[in-house]
Amino acid sequence: MELKEGINIGRVKNIWYYSRSRWSRNTIEDLLMKQNYFIPHKVTVFEGENGRKIYQVLQKFSQSISEQEISFFVQNQSVTLE
């Protein structure tokens, strides 16, 4: 919750984590965080020992998933972002 508040008020502009498996439980939750927090608030996310920009790598993947597919997965999974 504190991280989301920090993003909302503009205090958090960069996030770095070692492994995405420690960041979110599944791909849909990851994409929802990207869509609802990282993109609107211009947060840069880095991953791994070298700190590569993760959403540059995921950009092609997320563009291939339509809004309808995301809605379908969200409705059929127990995803909590709060």
Foldseek 3Di string as FASTA:
>chain_A
DVVQVCQVVLNAQEEEEADVVVVDVDDLLVVCCCVPGCVVSVHFYFYHPVGDGPVVVCVVVVVVQDPVNSVVVPVVDDDDDD
